[in-house]
Amino acid sequence: MPELSPLPVPQMNVNDEHAVIVAWHVGSGARVEAEQVIATLETSKATFDDHGDRAGFLVYEHAVKSLVQVGTPLAWIADQADAQP
């Protein structure tokens, strides 16, 4: 079974409970490198880029403009291109 690592939505401000996906910089299923910019997110006070923590294949289901709760997986990084969370 392929290993999947969650990429959680970070909490940039203590009062933030959600973030909005402004843009994906990598398509779902694409290969990514460690520290590569994955997505741009927006909270009530800031817009920021989220980076992958390791190399692998990015898997996500959220669309641009989706509201995602802080701490939940924004995406997953998998060892294999065909992995599903």
PDB file of N, CA and C in Angstrom:
ATOM      1  N   MET A   1       0.842  -1.187   0.000  1.00  0.00           N
ATOM      2  CA  MET A   1       0.000   0.000   0.000  1.00  0.00           C
ATOM      3  C   MET A   1       0.885   1.248   0.000  1.00  0.00           C
ATOM      4  N   PRO A   2       0.615   2.231  -0.890  1.00  0.00           N
ATOM      5  CA  PRO A   2       1.452   3.424  -0.970  1.00  0.00           C
ATOM      6  C   PRO A   2       1.293   4.305   0.267  1.00  0.00           C
ATOM      7  N   GLU A   3       2.394   4.932   0.642  1.00  0.00           N
ATOM      8  CA  GLU A   3       2.361   5.833   1.791  1.00  0.00           C
ATOM      9  C   GLU A   3       1.815   7.196   1.369  1.00  0.00           C
ATOM     10  N   LEU A   4       0.907   7.739   2.184  1.00  0.00           N
ATOM     11  CA  LEU A   4       0.330   9.063   1.957  1.00  0.00           C
ATOM     12  C   LEU A   4       0.634   9.939   3.158  1.00  0.00           C
ATOM     13  N   SER A   5       1.147  11.138   2.907  1.00  0.00           N
ATOM     14  CA  SER A   5       1.411  12.093   3.982  1.00  0.00           C
ATOM     15  C   SER A   5       0.452  13.261   3.836  1.00  0.00           C
ATOM     16  N   PRO A   6      -0.296  13.593   4.895  1.00  0.00           N
ATOM     17  CA  PRO A   6      -1.205  14.735   4.802  1.00  0.00           C
ATOM     18  C   PRO A   6      -0.439  16.052   4.801  1.00  0.00           C
ATOM     19  N   LEU A   7      -0.967  17.012   4.088  1.00  0.00           N
ATOM     20  CA  LEU A   7      -0.441  18.373   4.065  1.00  0.00           C
ATOM     21  C   LEU A   7      -1.526  19.246   4.700  1.00  0.00           C
ATOM     22  N   PRO A   8      -1.479  19.444   6.030  1.00  0.00           N
ATOM     23  CA  PRO A   8      -2.567  20.146   6.710  1.00  0.00           C
ATOM     24  C   PRO A   8      -2.578  21.639   6.425  1.00  0.00           C
ATOM     25  N   VAL A   9      -3.759  22.223   6.512  1.00  0.00           N
ATOM     26  CA  VAL A   9      -3.903  23.675   6.384  1.00  0.00           C
ATOM     27  C   VAL A   9      -3.290  24.297   7.641  1.00  0.00           C
ATOM     28  N   PRO A  10      -2.268  25.160   7.489  1.00  0.00           N
ATOM     29  CA  PRO A  10      -1.624  25.744   8.667  1.00  0.00           C
ATOM     30  C   PRO A  10      -2.474  26.846   9.292  1.00  0.00           C
ATOM     31  N   GLN A  11      -2.274  27.056  10.571  1.00  0.00           N
ATOM     32  CA  GLN A  11      -2.953  28.154  11.261  1.00  0.00           C
ATOM     33  C   GLN A  11      -1.974  29.319  11.311  1.00  0.00           C
ATOM     34  N   MET A  12      -2.224  30.337  10.517  1.00  0.00           N
ATOM     35  CA  MET A  12      -1.330  31.485  10.422  1.00  0.00           C
ATOM     36  C   MET A  12      -1.626  32.537  11.489  1.00  0.00           C
ATOM     37  N   ASN A  13      -2.834  32.535  12.025  1.00  0.00           N
ATOM     38  CA  ASN A  13      -3.247  33.486  13.052  1.00  0.00           C
ATOM     39  C   ASN A  13      -4.068  32.711  14.074  1.00  0.00           C
ATOM     40  N   VAL A  14      -3.897  33.011  15.315  1.00  0.00           N
ATOM     41  CA  VAL A  14      -4.577  32.268  16.373  1.00  0.00           C
ATOM     42  C   VAL A  14      -6.104  32.279  16.216  1.00  0.00           C
ATOM     43  N   ASN A  15      -6.663  33.282  15.591  1.00  0.00           N
ATOM     44  CA  ASN A  15      -8.112  33.390  15.429  1.00  0.00           C
ATOM     45  C   ASN A  15      -8.645  32.727  14.166  1.00  0.00           C
ATOM     46  N   ASP A  16      -7.766  32.300  13.282  1.00  0.00           N
ATOM     47  CA  ASP A  16      -8.208  31.692  12.024  1.00  0.00           C
ATOM     48  C   ASP A  16      -8.678  30.259  12.235  1.00  0.00           C
ATOM     49  N   GLU A  17      -9.869  29.969  11.739  1.00  0.00           N
ATOM     50  CA  GLU A  17     -10.407  28.614  11.790  1.00  0.00           C
ATOM     51  C   GLU A  17     -10.467  27.986  10.405  1.00  0.00           C
ATOM     52  N   HIS A  18     -10.418  28.821   9.350  1.00  0.00           N
ATOM     53  CA  HIS A  18     -10.530  28.353   7.976  1.00  0.00           C
ATOM     54  C   HIS A  18      -9.567  29.133   7.079  1.00  0.00           C
ATOM     55  N   ALA A  19      -9.315  28.578   5.922  1.00  0.00           N
ATOM     56  CA  ALA A  19      -8.569  29.253   4.869  1.00  0.00           C
ATOM     57  C   ALA A  19      -9.281  28.974   3.553  1.00  0.00           C
ATOM     58  N   VAL A  20      -9.149  29.883   2.619  1.00  0.00           N
ATOM     59  CA  VAL A  20      -9.726  29.742   1.281  1.00  0.00           C
ATOM     60  C   VAL A  20      -8.595  29.438   0.309  1.00  0.00           C
ATOM     61  N   ILE A  21      -8.809  28.477  -0.550  1.00  0.00           N
ATOM     62  CA  ILE A  21      -7.819  28.160  -1.578  1.00  0.00           C
ATOM     63  C   ILE A  21      -7.925  29.206  -2.680  1.00  0.00           C
ATOM     64  N   VAL A  22      -6.869  29.975  -2.849  1.00  0.00           N
ATOM     65  CA  VAL A  22      -6.828  31.019  -3.874  1.00  0.00           C
ATOM     66  C   VAL A  22      -6.362  30.434  -5.203  1.00  0.00           C
ATOM     67  N   ALA A  23      -5.345  29.569  -5.150  1.00  0.00           N
ATOM     68  CA  ALA A  23      -4.804  28.973  -6.379  1.00  0.00           C
ATOM     69  C   ALA A  23      -4.044  27.700  -6.053  1.00  0.00           C
ATOM     70  N   TRP A  24      -4.139  26.741  -6.947  1.00  0.00           N
ATOM     71  CA  TRP A  24      -3.279  25.564  -6.923  1.00  0.00           C
ATOM     72  C   TRP A  24      -2.133  25.847  -7.875  1.00  0.00           C
ATOM     73  N   HIS A  25      -0.895  25.569  -7.472  1.00  0.00           N
ATOM     74  CA  HIS A  25       0.264  25.795  -8.337  1.00  0.00           C
ATOM     75  C   HIS A  25       0.756  24.505  -8.971  1.00  0.00           C
ATOM     76  N   VAL A  26       0.148  23.393  -8.563  1.00  0.00           N
ATOM     77  CA  VAL A  26       0.493  22.066  -9.075  1.00  0.00           C
ATOM     78  C   VAL A  26      -0.811  21.305  -9.252  1.00  0.00           C
ATOM     79  N   GLY A  27      -0.942  20.598 -10.337  1.00  0.00           N
ATOM     80  CA  GLY A  27      -2.146  19.803 -10.571  1.00  0.00           C
ATOM     81  C   GLY A  27      -2.161  18.536  -9.732  1.00  0.00           C
ATOM     82  N   SER A  28      -3.350  18.066  -9.403  1.00  0.00           N
ATOM     83  CA  SER A  28      -3.479  16.815  -8.667  1.00  0.00           C
ATOM     84  C   SER A  28      -2.914  15.679  -9.511  1.00  0.00           C
ATOM     85  N   GLY A  29      -2.064  14.859  -8.894  1.00  0.00           N
ATOM     86  CA  GLY A  29      -1.400  13.767  -9.593  1.00  0.00           C
ATOM     87  C   GLY A  29      -0.009  14.109 -10.087  1.00  0.00           C
ATOM     88  N   ALA A  30       0.364  15.392 -10.018  1.00  0.00           N
ATOM     89  CA  ALA A  30       1.678  15.820 -10.497  1.00  0.00           C
ATOM     90  C   ALA A  30       2.770  15.533  -9.471  1.00  0.00           C
ATOM     91  N   ARG A  31       3.971  15.360  -9.946  1.00  0.00           N
ATOM     92  CA  ARG A  31       5.131  15.157  -9.073  1.00  0.00           C
ATOM     93  C   ARG A  31       5.544  16.502  -8.481  1.00  0.00           C
ATOM     94  N   VAL A  32       5.858  16.510  -7.185  1.00  0.00           N
ATOM     95  CA  VAL A  32       6.330  17.717  -6.498  1.00  0.00           C
ATOM     96  C   VAL A  32       7.634  17.410  -5.781  1.00  0.00           C
ATOM     97  N   GLU A  33       8.393  18.444  -5.513  1.00  0.00           N
ATOM     98  CA  GLU A  33       9.635  18.323  -4.762  1.00  0.00           C
ATOM     99  C   GLU A  33       9.425  18.897  -3.363  1.00  0.00           C
ATOM    100  N   ALA A  34      10.262  18.530  -2.422  1.00  0.00           N
ATOM    101  CA  ALA A  34      10.193  19.068  -1.062  1.00  0.00           C
ATOM    102  C   ALA A  34      10.328  20.588  -1.122  1.00  0.00           C
ATOM    103  N   GLU A  35       9.517  21.280  -0.352  1.00  0.00           N
ATOM    104  CA  GLU A  35       9.495  22.739  -0.237  1.00  0.00           C
ATOM    105  C   GLU A  35       8.954  23.467  -1.477  1.00  0.00           C
ATOM    106  N   GLN A  36       8.417  22.739  -2.440  1.00  0.00           N
ATOM    107  CA  GLN A  36       7.809  23.367  -3.609  1.00  0.00           C
ATOM    108  C   GLN A  36       6.484  24.005  -3.200  1.00  0.00           C
ATOM    109  N   VAL A  37       6.174  25.168  -3.787  1.00  0.00           N
ATOM    110  CA  VAL A  37       4.894  25.829  -3.519  1.00  0.00           C
ATOM    111  C   VAL A  37       3.783  24.981  -4.120  1.00  0.00           C
ATOM    112  N   ILE A  38       2.817  24.623  -3.280  1.00  0.00           N
ATOM    113  CA  ILE A  38       1.703  23.764  -3.686  1.00  0.00           C
ATOM    114  C   ILE A  38       0.459  24.595  -3.991  1.00  0.00           C
ATOM    115  N   ALA A  39       0.139  25.512  -3.085  1.00  0.00           N
ATOM    116  CA  ALA A  39      -1.092  26.297  -3.211  1.00  0.00           C
ATOM    117  C   ALA A  39      -0.924  27.651  -2.533  1.00  0.00           C
ATOM    118  N   THR A  40      -1.767  28.593  -2.932  1.00  0.00           N
ATOM    119  CA  THR A  40      -1.867  29.872  -2.239  1.00  0.00           C
ATOM    120  C   THR A  40      -3.184  29.864  -1.484  1.00  0.00           C
ATOM    121  N   LEU A  41      -3.103  30.215  -0.196  1.00  0.00           N
ATOM    122  CA  LEU A  41      -4.270  30.234   0.680  1.00  0.00           C
ATOM    123  C   LEU A  41      -4.488  31.647   1.211  1.00  0.00           C
ATOM    124  N   GLU A  42      -5.725  31.915   1.617  1.00  0.00           N
ATOM    125  CA  GLU A  42      -6.059  33.219   2.177  1.00  0.00           C
ATOM    126  C   GLU A  42      -6.866  33.021   3.453  1.00  0.00           C
ATOM    127  N   THR A  43      -6.497  33.762   4.505  1.00  0.00           N
ATOM    128  CA  THR A  43      -7.255  33.764   5.746  1.00  0.00           C
ATOM    129  C   THR A  43      -7.840  35.162   5.920  1.00  0.00           C
ATOM    130  N   SER A  44      -8.405  35.426   7.076  1.00  0.00           N
ATOM    131  CA  SER A  44      -9.015  36.736   7.305  1.00  0.00           C
ATOM    132  C   SER A  44      -7.997  37.866   7.296  1.00  0.00           C
ATOM    133  N   LYS A  45      -6.722  37.559   7.531  1.00  0.00           N
ATOM    134  CA  LYS A  45      -5.721  38.613   7.635  1.00  0.00           C
ATOM    135  C   LYS A  45      -4.512  38.465   6.718  1.00  0.00           C
ATOM    136  N   ALA A  46      -4.392  37.354   6.015  1.00  0.00           N
ATOM    137  CA  ALA A  46      -3.175  37.136   5.239  1.00  0.00           C
ATOM    138  C   ALA A  46      -3.423  36.224   4.042  1.00  0.00           C
ATOM    139  N   THR A  47      -2.578  36.406   3.033  1.00  0.00           N
ATOM    140  CA  THR A  47      -2.499  35.493   1.899  1.00  0.00           C
ATOM    141  C   THR A  47      -1.095  34.908   1.929  1.00  0.00           C
ATOM    142  N   PHE A  48      -0.973  33.597   1.766  1.00  0.00           N
ATOM    143  CA  PHE A  48       0.331  32.957   1.887  1.00  0.00           C
ATOM    144  C   PHE A  48       0.396  31.721   1.010  1.00  0.00           C
ATOM    145  N   ASP A  49       1.627  31.300   0.728  1.00  0.00           N
ATOM    146  CA  ASP A  49       1.865  30.077  -0.035  1.00  0.00           C
ATOM    147  C   ASP A  49       2.090  28.915   0.923  1.00  0.00           C
ATOM    148  N   ASP A  50       1.550  27.760   0.581  1.00  0.00           N
ATOM    149  CA  ASP A  50       1.757  26.544   1.354  1.00  0.00           C
ATOM    150  C   ASP A  50       2.704  25.655   0.553  1.00  0.00           C
ATOM    151  N   HIS A  51       3.667  25.049   1.236  1.00  0.00           N
ATOM    152  CA  HIS A  51       4.711  24.254   0.602  1.00  0.00           C
ATOM    153  C   HIS A  51       4.583  22.784   0.974  1.00  0.00           C
ATOM    154  N   GLY A  52       5.028  21.930   0.077  1.00  0.00           N
ATOM    155  CA  GLY A  52       5.082  20.513   0.377  1.00  0.00           C
ATOM    156  C   GLY A  52       6.230  20.221   1.322  1.00  0.00           C
ATOM    157  N   ASP A  53       6.074  19.221   2.166  1.00  0.00           N
ATOM    158  CA  ASP A  53       7.125  18.899   3.127  1.00  0.00           C
ATOM    159  C   ASP A  53       8.050  17.787   2.648  1.00  0.00           C
ATOM    160  N   ARG A  54       7.697  17.155   1.524  1.00  0.00           N
ATOM    161  CA  ARG A  54       8.544  16.095   0.974  1.00  0.00           C
ATOM    162  C   ARG A  54       8.239  15.928  -0.507  1.00  0.00           C
ATOM    163  N   ALA A  55       9.085  15.208  -1.197  1.00  0.00           N
ATOM    164  CA  ALA A  55       8.866  14.921  -2.611  1.00  0.00           C
ATOM    165  C   ALA A  55       7.858  13.779  -2.747  1.00  0.00           C
ATOM    166  N   GLY A  56       7.146  13.779  -3.850  1.00  0.00           N
ATOM    167  CA  GLY A  56       6.173  12.730  -4.130  1.00  0.00           C
ATOM    168  C   GLY A  56       5.150  13.215  -5.130  1.00  0.00           C
ATOM    169  N   PHE A  57       3.968  12.621  -5.088  1.00  0.00           N
ATOM    170  CA  PHE A  57       2.896  12.980  -6.005  1.00  0.00           C
ATOM    171  C   PHE A  57       1.769  13.626  -5.219  1.00  0.00           C
ATOM    172  N   LEU A  58       1.336  14.792  -5.668  1.00  0.00           N
ATOM    173  CA  LEU A  58       0.303  15.556  -4.976  1.00  0.00           C
ATOM    174  C   LEU A  58      -1.081  15.040  -5.344  1.00  0.00           C
ATOM    175  N   VAL A  59      -1.919  14.864  -4.327  1.00  0.00           N
ATOM    176  CA  VAL A  59      -3.301  14.416  -4.530  1.00  0.00           C
ATOM    177  C   VAL A  59      -4.205  15.354  -3.747  1.00  0.00           C
ATOM    178  N   TYR A  60      -5.200  15.933  -4.421  1.00  0.00           N
ATOM    179  CA  TYR A  60      -6.167  16.777  -3.717  1.00  0.00           C
ATOM    180  C   TYR A  60      -7.521  16.719  -4.392  1.00  0.00           C
ATOM    181  N   GLU A  61      -8.553  17.125  -3.625  1.00  0.00           N
ATOM    182  CA  GLU A  61      -9.923  17.106  -4.129  1.00  0.00           C
ATOM    183  C   GLU A  61     -10.607  18.464  -4.047  1.00  0.00           C
ATOM    184  N   HIS A  62     -10.015  19.405  -3.298  1.00  0.00           N
ATOM    185  CA  HIS A  62     -10.637  20.715  -3.118  1.00  0.00           C
ATOM    186  C   HIS A  62     -10.429  21.602  -4.348  1.00  0.00           C
ATOM    187  N   ALA A  63     -11.446  22.346  -4.708  1.00  0.00           N
ATOM    188  CA  ALA A  63     -11.364  23.282  -5.829  1.00  0.00           C
ATOM    189  C   ALA A  63     -10.925  24.658  -5.335  1.00  0.00           C
ATOM    190  N   VAL A  64     -10.436  25.467  -6.258  1.00  0.00           N
ATOM    191  CA  VAL A  64     -10.145  26.868  -5.953  1.00  0.00           C
ATOM    192  C   VAL A  64     -11.421  27.504  -5.403  1.00  0.00           C
ATOM    193  N   LYS A  65     -11.265  28.369  -4.421  1.00  0.00           N
ATOM    194  CA  LYS A  65     -12.334  29.069  -3.701  1.00  0.00           C
ATOM    195  C   LYS A  65     -12.990  28.208  -2.625  1.00  0.00           C
ATOM    196  N   SER A  66     -12.490  26.984  -2.424  1.00  0.00           N
ATOM    197  CA  SER A  66     -13.018  26.141  -1.353  1.00  0.00           C
ATOM    198  C   SER A  66     -12.554  26.671   0.000  1.00  0.00           C
ATOM    199  N   LEU A  67     -13.433  26.569   0.980  1.00  0.00           N
ATOM    200  CA  LEU A  67     -13.139  26.923   2.361  1.00  0.00           C
ATOM    201  C   LEU A  67     -12.710  25.642   3.071  1.00  0.00           C
ATOM    202  N   VAL A  68     -11.492  25.637   3.627  1.00  0.00           N
ATOM    203  CA  VAL A  68     -10.943  24.443   4.250  1.00  0.00           C
ATOM    204  C   VAL A  68     -10.575  24.761   5.701  1.00  0.00           C
ATOM    205  N   GLN A  69     -10.964  23.897   6.608  1.00  0.00           N
ATOM    206  CA  GLN A  69     -10.713  24.111   8.032  1.00  0.00           C
ATOM    207  C   GLN A  69      -9.231  23.949   8.354  1.00  0.00           C
ATOM    208  N   VAL A  70      -8.711  24.831   9.210  1.00  0.00           N
ATOM    209  CA  VAL A  70      -7.331  24.754   9.672  1.00  0.00           C
ATOM    210  C   VAL A  70      -7.093  23.388  10.323  1.00  0.00           C
ATOM    211  N   GLY A  71      -5.976  22.786   9.993  1.00  0.00           N
ATOM    212  CA  GLY A  71      -5.611  21.495  10.565  1.00  0.00           C
ATOM    213  C   GLY A  71      -6.049  20.293   9.758  1.00  0.00           C
ATOM    214  N   THR A  72      -7.025  20.461   8.877  1.00  0.00           N
ATOM    215  CA  THR A  72      -7.459  19.345   8.044  1.00  0.00           C
ATOM    216  C   THR A  72      -6.549  19.250   6.812  1.00  0.00           C
ATOM    217  N   PRO A  73      -6.467  18.097   6.181  1.00  0.00           N
ATOM    218  CA  PRO A  73      -5.598  17.973   5.012  1.00  0.00           C
ATOM    219  C   PRO A  73      -6.065  18.844   3.840  1.00  0.00           C
ATOM    220  N   LEU A  74      -5.163  19.697   3.396  1.00  0.00           N
ATOM    221  CA  LEU A  74      -5.382  20.462   2.175  1.00  0.00           C
ATOM    222  C   LEU A  74      -5.166  19.525   0.989  1.00  0.00           C
ATOM    223  N   ALA A  75      -4.154  18.682   1.129  1.00  0.00           N
ATOM    224  CA  ALA A  75      -3.775  17.731   0.084  1.00  0.00           C
ATOM    225  C   ALA A  75      -2.979  16.613   0.741  1.00  0.00           C
ATOM    226  N   TRP A  76      -2.580  15.665  -0.069  1.00  0.00           N
ATOM    227  CA  TRP A  76      -1.766  14.536   0.374  1.00  0.00           C
ATOM    228  C   TRP A  76      -0.587  14.420  -0.571  1.00  0.00           C
ATOM    229  N   ILE A  77       0.546  13.983  -0.046  1.00  0.00           N
ATOM    230  CA  ILE A  77       1.697  13.675  -0.886  1.00  0.00           C
ATOM    231  C   ILE A  77       1.920  12.179  -0.793  1.00  0.00           C
ATOM    232  N   ALA A  78       1.928  11.536  -1.956  1.00  0.00           N
ATOM    233  CA  ALA A  78       1.979  10.079  -2.024  1.00  0.00           C
ATOM    234  C   ALA A  78       3.282   9.619  -2.682  1.00  0.00           C
ATOM    235  N   ASP A  79       3.629   8.366  -2.405  1.00  0.00           N
ATOM    236  CA  ASP A  79       4.808   7.771  -3.020  1.00  0.00           C
ATOM    237  C   ASP A  79       4.563   7.383  -4.475  1.00  0.00           C
ATOM    238  N   GLN A  80       3.303   7.108  -4.817  1.00  0.00           N
ATOM    239  CA  GLN A  80       2.962   6.657  -6.167  1.00  0.00           C
ATOM    240  C   GLN A  80       1.917   7.581  -6.786  1.00  0.00           C
ATOM    241  N   ALA A  81       1.970   7.732  -8.084  1.00  0.00           N
ATOM    242  CA  ALA A  81       1.072   8.649  -8.788  1.00  0.00           C
ATOM    243  C   ALA A  81      -0.390   8.247  -8.712  1.00  0.00           C
ATOM    244  N   ASP A  82      -0.689   6.978  -8.557  1.00  0.00           N
ATOM    245  CA  ASP A  82      -2.086   6.526  -8.580  1.00  0.00           C
ATOM    246  C   ASP A  82      -2.687   6.373  -7.182  1.00  0.00           C
ATOM    247  N   ALA A  83      -2.034   6.851  -6.150  1.00  0.00           N
ATOM    248  CA  ALA A  83      -2.532   6.721  -4.772  1.00  0.00           C
ATOM    249  C   ALA A  83      -3.742   7.602  -4.547  1.00  0.00           C
ATOM    250  N   GLN A  84      -4.628   7.144  -3.678  1.00  0.00           N
ATOM    251  CA  GLN A  84      -5.830   7.895  -3.309  1.00  0.00           C
ATOM    252  C   GLN A  84      -5.911   7.967  -1.791  1.00  0.00           C
ATOM    253  N   PRO A  85      -6.282   9.130  -1.234  1.00  0.00           N
ATOM    254  CA  PRO A  85      -6.403   9.229   0.226  1.00  0.00           C
ATOM    255  C   PRO A  85      -7.622   8.471   0.743  1.00  0.00           C
TER     256      PRO A  85
END
